[in-house]
Amino acid sequence: MAAYRLAYTRRNIQKHPIATLWTPLALAGYILFALVMASTDDSYVLPFLTVGAAYLAIHYTGRAWGVMITYSIVEETPFEPRERSFI
């Protein structure tokens, strides 16, 4: 939860409004739309699940790499330039 507290500061919201405001609002709007439409046509649910799964995969993979880099710096064993190119 601390990461979200850091991400959603007034400065970051003003600096990155698409990532902090508009994308979550668009996703929430589409979820509501898909849920309302699911009673008559469930074809709106599959795209949401597909995009959501892909987004989560990319997001948490990026977070894992960030944690690896942070700990390598804290432990004073930073990645070599060649190793960074793999990331």
C-alpha atoms as a PDB file:
ATOM      1  CA  MET A   1       0.000   0.000   0.000  1.00  0.00           C
ATOM      2  CA  ALA A   2       2.925   2.349   0.563  1.00  0.00           C
ATOM      3  CA  ALA A   3       3.731   2.210  -3.146  1.00  0.00           C
ATOM      4  CA  TYR A   4       0.272   3.519  -3.975  1.00  0.00           C
ATOM      5  CA  ARG A   5       0.650   6.281  -1.394  1.00  0.00           C
ATOM      6  CA  LEU A   6       3.869   7.309  -3.135  1.00  0.00           C
ATOM      7  CA  ALA A   7       2.400   7.009  -6.629  1.00  0.00           C
ATOM      8  CA  TYR A   8      -0.741   9.000  -5.906  1.00  0.00           C
ATOM      9  CA  THR A   9       0.795  12.164  -4.507  1.00  0.00           C
ATOM     10  CA  ARG A  10      -0.517  15.471  -5.801  1.00  0.00           C
ATOM     11  CA  ARG A  11       2.745  15.995  -7.719  1.00  0.00           C
ATOM     12  CA  ASN A  12       2.585  12.622  -9.474  1.00  0.00           C
ATOM     13  CA  ILE A  13      -1.097  13.031 -10.321  1.00  0.00           C
ATOM     14  CA  GLN A  14      -0.366  16.402 -11.920  1.00  0.00           C
ATOM     15  CA  LYS A  15       2.725  15.068 -13.690  1.00  0.00           C
ATOM     16  CA  HIS A  16       1.131  11.819 -14.961  1.00  0.00           C
ATOM     17  CA  PRO A  17      -2.642  12.363 -15.197  1.00  0.00           C
ATOM     18  CA  ILE A  18      -3.169   9.679 -17.844  1.00  0.00           C
ATOM     19  CA  ALA A  19      -1.594   6.930 -15.737  1.00  0.00           C
ATOM     20  CA  THR A  20      -2.964   8.054 -12.375  1.00  0.00           C
ATOM     21  CA  LEU A  21      -6.444   9.287 -13.274  1.00  0.00           C
ATOM     22  CA  TRP A  22      -7.676   8.627 -16.777  1.00  0.00           C
ATOM     23  CA  THR A  23      -6.570   5.007 -17.217  1.00  0.00           C
ATOM     24  CA  PRO A  24      -8.117   3.818 -13.910  1.00  0.00           C
ATOM     25  CA  LEU A  25     -11.319   5.777 -14.668  1.00  0.00           C
ATOM     26  CA  ALA A  26     -11.516   4.324 -18.178  1.00  0.00           C
ATOM     27  CA  LEU A  27     -11.012   0.795 -16.829  1.00  0.00           C
ATOM     28  CA  ALA A  28     -13.648   1.314 -14.137  1.00  0.00           C
ATOM     29  CA  GLY A  29     -16.065   2.687 -16.734  1.00  0.00           C
ATOM     30  CA  TYR A  30     -15.508  -0.286 -19.018  1.00  0.00           C
ATOM     31  CA  ILE A  31     -15.966  -2.709 -16.112  1.00  0.00           C
ATOM     32  CA  LEU A  32     -19.337  -1.140 -15.330  1.00  0.00           C
ATOM     33  CA  PHE A  33     -20.290  -1.235 -19.013  1.00  0.00           C
ATOM     34  CA  ALA A  34     -19.239  -4.899 -19.353  1.00  0.00           C
ATOM     35  CA  LEU A  35     -21.141  -5.874 -16.209  1.00  0.00           C
ATOM     36  CA  VAL A  36     -24.311  -4.152 -17.389  1.00  0.00           C
ATOM     37  CA  MET A  37     -24.011  -5.685 -20.854  1.00  0.00           C
ATOM     38  CA  ALA A  38     -23.128  -9.150 -19.496  1.00  0.00           C
ATOM     39  CA  SER A  39     -26.791  -9.847 -18.780  1.00  0.00           C
ATOM     40  CA  THR A  40     -27.546  -9.672 -22.515  1.00  0.00           C
ATOM     41  CA  ASP A  41     -24.211 -10.215 -24.268  1.00  0.00           C
ATOM     42  CA  ASP A  42     -21.106 -11.584 -22.550  1.00  0.00           C
ATOM     43  CA  SER A  43     -18.750 -10.764 -25.439  1.00  0.00           C
ATOM     44  CA  TYR A  44     -17.756  -7.544 -23.646  1.00  0.00           C
ATOM     45  CA  VAL A  45     -16.300  -9.426 -20.680  1.00  0.00           C
ATOM     46  CA  LEU A  46     -13.587 -11.397 -22.531  1.00  0.00           C
ATOM     47  CA  PRO A  47     -11.726  -8.321 -23.878  1.00  0.00           C
ATOM     48  CA  PHE A  48     -11.648  -6.858 -20.388  1.00  0.00           C
ATOM     49  CA  LEU A  49     -10.259 -10.064 -18.904  1.00  0.00           C
ATOM     50  CA  THR A  50      -7.644 -10.332 -21.661  1.00  0.00           C
ATOM     51  CA  VAL A  51      -6.462  -6.736 -21.372  1.00  0.00           C
ATOM     52  CA  GLY A  52      -6.566  -6.913 -17.564  1.00  0.00           C
ATOM     53  CA  ALA A  53      -4.444 -10.048 -17.465  1.00  0.00           C
ATOM     54  CA  ALA A  54      -1.902  -8.585 -19.897  1.00  0.00           C
ATOM     55  CA  TYR A  55      -1.737  -5.323 -17.936  1.00  0.00           C
ATOM     56  CA  LEU A  56      -1.188  -7.133 -14.645  1.00  0.00           C
ATOM     57  CA  ALA A  57       1.533  -9.310 -16.171  1.00  0.00           C
ATOM     58  CA  ILE A  58       3.419  -6.286 -17.489  1.00  0.00           C
ATOM     59  CA  HIS A  59       2.882  -4.268 -14.305  1.00  0.00           C
ATOM     60  CA  TYR A  60       4.084  -6.892 -11.848  1.00  0.00           C
ATOM     61  CA  THR A  61       6.995  -7.974 -14.043  1.00  0.00           C
ATOM     62  CA  GLY A  62       8.151  -4.350 -14.064  1.00  0.00           C
ATOM     63  CA  ARG A  63       7.767  -4.131 -10.294  1.00  0.00           C
ATOM     64  CA  ALA A  64       9.810  -7.310  -9.830  1.00  0.00           C
ATOM     65  CA  TRP A  65      12.635  -5.907 -11.965  1.00  0.00           C
ATOM     66  CA  GLY A  66      12.472  -2.660 -10.006  1.00  0.00           C
ATOM     67  CA  VAL A  67      12.814  -4.534  -6.717  1.00  0.00           C
ATOM     68  CA  MET A  68      15.784  -6.484  -8.081  1.00  0.00           C
ATOM     69  CA  ILE A  69      17.532  -3.293  -9.154  1.00  0.00           C
ATOM     70  CA  THR A  70      16.778  -1.575  -5.846  1.00  0.00           C
ATOM     71  CA  TYR A  71      18.148  -4.437  -3.780  1.00  0.00           C
ATOM     72  CA  SER A  72      21.237  -4.710  -5.949  1.00  0.00           C
ATOM     73  CA  ILE A  73      21.973  -1.039  -5.276  1.00  0.00           C
ATOM     74  CA  VAL A  74      21.259  -1.379  -1.536  1.00  0.00           C
ATOM     75  CA  GLU A  75      23.569  -4.399  -1.322  1.00  0.00           C
ATOM     76  CA  GLU A  76      26.193  -2.440  -3.283  1.00  0.00           C
ATOM     77  CA  THR A  77      26.316  -5.030  -6.055  1.00  0.00           C
ATOM     78  CA  PRO A  78      24.762  -3.111  -8.950  1.00  0.00           C
ATOM     79  CA  PHE A  79      24.117  -4.748 -12.269  1.00  0.00           C
ATOM     80  CA  GLU A  80      26.872  -4.588 -14.845  1.00  0.00           C
ATOM     81  CA  PRO A  81      26.097  -2.599 -18.015  1.00  0.00           C
ATOM     82  CA  ARG A  82      25.785  -5.854 -19.975  1.00  0.00           C
ATOM     83  CA  GLU A  83      23.328  -7.213 -17.394  1.00  0.00           C
ATOM     84  CA  ARG A  84      21.258  -4.024 -17.581  1.00  0.00           C
ATOM     85  CA  SER A  85      20.901  -4.435 -21.329  1.00  0.00           C
ATOM     86  CA  PHE A  86      19.002  -7.681 -20.691  1.00  0.00           C
ATOM     87  CA  ILE A  87      16.462  -5.799 -18.606  1.00  0.00           C
END
